[in-house]
């Protein structure tokens, strides 16, 4: 796993992997339900979820997706990245209390386009079950020279 703080797009390589491990709490699910507006009883009511064949309430799939957004946006050792696109497949449910392992692996580096393609896999650390797979494309913002910023303000 790459851990250096000084990477740029120029020195990311195919096969580089980045890791985030996260315990999903009931509070995480409740907060996500409140923020997203998705208060489906599948996500908020254990009895409802059990009546539908789940062991307890199910974590929102998009909450899982937010973890790879966190990994790429906050823990990737390249500053000033911007998530351009994603493609996701939800494979198995996660539940409050689960510990998930989020891995992003560089698939392709496009120096000319200043973009990097990643494969994303989120697994349940205890069971090894694959919860989510996907692809993500990151772009990298260029710093505007200070002289250009001043011209734009005038």
Protein backbone atom coordinates (compact mmCIF):
# COMPACT_ATOMS: atom_id res chain seq x y z
CA UNK A 1 0.00 0.00 0.00
CA UNK A 2 1.26 3.46 -0.89
CA UNK A 3 1.62 5.74 2.11
CA UNK A 4 3.92 8.60 1.05
CA UNK A 5 2.49 12.08 1.53
CA UNK A 6 4.20 13.62 -1.50
CA UNK A 7 2.76 11.71 -4.46
CA UNK A 8 1.57 13.52 -7.54
CA UNK A 9 -0.34 12.13 -10.47
CA UNK A 10 3.02 11.74 -12.22
CA UNK A 11 4.24 9.15 -9.73
CA UNK A 12 1.07 7.13 -9.19
CA UNK A 13 1.46 3.75 -10.84
CA UNK A 14 -0.88 1.05 -12.02
CA UNK A 15 -1.33 -1.40 -9.19
CA UNK A 16 -0.81 1.12 -6.34
CA UNK A 17 -3.41 0.41 -3.63
CA UNK A 18 -4.86 2.55 -0.86
CA UNK A 19 -6.75 1.31 2.20
CA UNK A 20 -9.35 2.65 4.64
CA UNK A 21 -10.92 0.55 7.40
CA UNK A 22 -14.12 1.77 9.00
CA UNK A 23 -16.55 0.51 11.66
CA UNK A 24 -20.12 1.42 10.68
CA UNK A 25 -22.10 2.64 13.68
CA UNK A 26 -25.84 3.02 14.23
CA UNK A 27 -25.15 6.75 14.49
CA UNK A 28 -23.51 6.71 11.02
CA UNK A 29 -26.64 5.12 9.53
CA UNK A 30 -29.00 7.48 11.38
CA UNK A 31 -26.98 10.53 10.33
CA UNK A 32 -26.86 9.37 6.71
CA UNK A 33 -30.64 8.77 6.74
CA UNK A 34 -31.18 12.28 8.07
CA UNK A 35 -28.78 13.93 5.60
CA UNK A 36 -29.88 11.96 2.52
CA UNK A 37 -33.59 11.96 3.33
CA UNK A 38 -33.65 8.18 2.80
CA UNK A 39 -35.42 7.09 5.95
CA UNK A 40 -36.63 3.78 4.50
CA UNK A 41 -37.51 1.39 7.33
CA UNK A 42 -35.07 -1.08 5.76
CA UNK A 43 -32.35 1.27 7.03
CA UNK A 44 -33.98 2.51 10.23
CA UNK A 45 -36.02 -0.35 11.70
CA UNK A 46 -34.52 -3.69 12.76
CA UNK A 47 -37.93 -5.44 12.91
CA UNK A 48 -38.87 -4.28 9.40
CA UNK A 49 -35.52 -5.48 8.01
CA UNK A 50 -35.87 -8.85 9.78
CA UNK A 51 -39.38 -9.30 8.34
CA UNK A 52 -37.75 -8.95 4.90
CA UNK A 53 -35.07 -11.58 5.56
CA UNK A 54 -32.17 -9.44 6.82
CA UNK A 55 -30.53 -10.02 10.21
CA UNK A 56 -31.08 -6.37 11.16
CA UNK A 57 -31.38 -2.96 9.52
CA UNK A 58 -29.28 -2.55 6.39
CA UNK A 59 -26.64 0.14 5.86
CA UNK A 60 -27.39 2.44 2.91
CA UNK A 61 -25.33 1.45 -0.12
CA UNK A 62 -24.49 5.09 -0.71
CA UNK A 63 -23.08 5.32 2.82
CA UNK A 64 -20.63 2.60 1.78
CA UNK A 65 -19.87 4.60 -1.38
CA UNK A 66 -19.12 7.65 0.77
CA UNK A 67 -16.27 5.68 2.36
CA UNK A 68 -14.47 5.33 -0.96
CA UNK A 69 -15.11 9.02 -1.55
CA UNK A 70 -13.41 9.65 1.81
CA UNK A 71 -10.51 7.37 0.88
CA UNK A 72 -9.92 9.03 -2.49
CA UNK A 73 -10.61 12.58 -1.33
CA UNK A 74 -8.93 12.64 2.05
CA UNK A 75 -6.42 9.80 2.33
CA UNK A 76 -4.99 9.51 -1.15
CA UNK A 77 -1.51 10.99 -1.07
CA UNK A 78 -2.28 13.34 -3.96
CA UNK A 79 -3.68 16.71 -3.08
CA UNK A 80 -6.36 18.62 -4.96
CA UNK A 81 -8.17 15.69 -6.52
CA UNK A 82 -11.75 15.81 -7.75
CA UNK A 83 -14.03 12.80 -8.17
CA UNK A 84 -15.20 12.87 -11.81
CA UNK A 85 -17.23 9.67 -12.14
CA UNK A 86 -18.15 6.41 -10.47
CA UNK A 87 -19.76 3.13 -11.42
CA UNK A 88 -20.96 0.94 -8.56
CA UNK A 89 -22.32 -2.54 -8.02
CA UNK A 90 -23.83 -3.35 -4.63
CA UNK A 91 -23.17 -7.04 -3.99
CA UNK A 92 -24.14 -7.77 -0.37
CA UNK A 93 -25.62 -5.85 2.55
CA UNK A 94 -23.67 -4.30 5.38
CA UNK A 95 -25.09 -3.85 8.87
CA UNK A 96 -24.40 -1.43 11.73
CA UNK A 97 -21.49 -2.83 13.74
CA UNK A 98 -19.71 -4.21 10.66
CA UNK A 99 -16.09 -3.30 10.01
CA UNK A 100 -15.51 -2.63 6.34
CA UNK A 101 -12.30 -2.57 4.37
CA UNK A 102 -12.19 -0.11 1.46
CA UNK A 103 -9.45 -0.66 -1.13
CA UNK A 104 -8.82 1.59 -4.13
CA UNK A 105 -6.33 0.28 -6.69
CA UNK A 106 -4.94 2.35 -9.55
CA UNK A 107 -6.09 0.83 -12.85
CA UNK A 108 -4.81 3.48 -15.23
CA UNK A 109 -2.96 6.79 -15.08
CA UNK A 110 -3.64 9.30 -17.85
CA UNK A 111 -0.95 11.97 -17.58
CA UNK A 112 -2.28 13.96 -20.52
CA UNK A 113 -5.80 14.15 -19.11
CA UNK A 114 -4.46 14.45 -15.57
CA UNK A 115 -6.81 11.70 -14.44
CA UNK A 116 -6.50 8.37 -12.66
CA UNK A 117 -8.88 5.41 -12.90
CA UNK A 118 -9.35 3.28 -9.78
CA UNK A 119 -10.93 -0.07 -9.05
CA UNK A 120 -12.84 -0.01 -5.77
CA UNK A 121 -13.64 -2.99 -3.55
CA UNK A 122 -15.38 -2.80 -0.18
CA UNK A 123 -15.45 -5.98 1.90
CA UNK A 124 -16.74 -7.01 5.30
CA UNK A 125 -13.57 -7.52 7.32
CA UNK A 126 -15.06 -10.26 9.55
CA UNK A 127 -16.67 -12.41 6.86
CA UNK A 128 -14.64 -11.48 3.79
CA UNK A 129 -17.88 -10.87 1.85
CA UNK A 130 -17.61 -8.40 -1.01
CA UNK A 131 -20.13 -5.63 -0.34
CA UNK A 132 -19.44 -3.23 -3.21
CA UNK A 133 -17.29 -3.13 -6.32
CA UNK A 134 -16.83 -0.29 -8.71
CA UNK A 135 -14.72 2.09 -10.69
CA UNK A 136 -13.87 5.70 -10.02
CA UNK A 137 -12.17 8.38 -12.07
CA UNK A 138 -10.29 11.17 -10.33
CA UNK A 139 -9.15 14.37 -11.95
CA UNK A 140 -6.56 16.70 -10.52
CA UNK A 141 -7.10 20.41 -10.22
CA UNK A 142 -4.36 22.72 -11.38
CA UNK A 143 -3.37 25.58 -9.16
CA UNK A 144 -4.15 28.93 -10.78
CA UNK A 145 -1.13 31.25 -10.65
CA UNK A 146 -1.66 34.13 -8.24
CA UNK A 147 -1.11 36.67 -11.05
CA UNK A 148 -4.09 35.17 -12.98
CA UNK A 149 -6.27 35.28 -9.88
CA UNK A 150 -5.59 39.00 -9.45
CA UNK A 151 -6.45 39.72 -13.13
CA UNK A 152 -9.78 37.91 -12.76
CA UNK A 153 -10.70 40.07 -9.74
CA UNK A 154 -9.92 43.36 -11.46
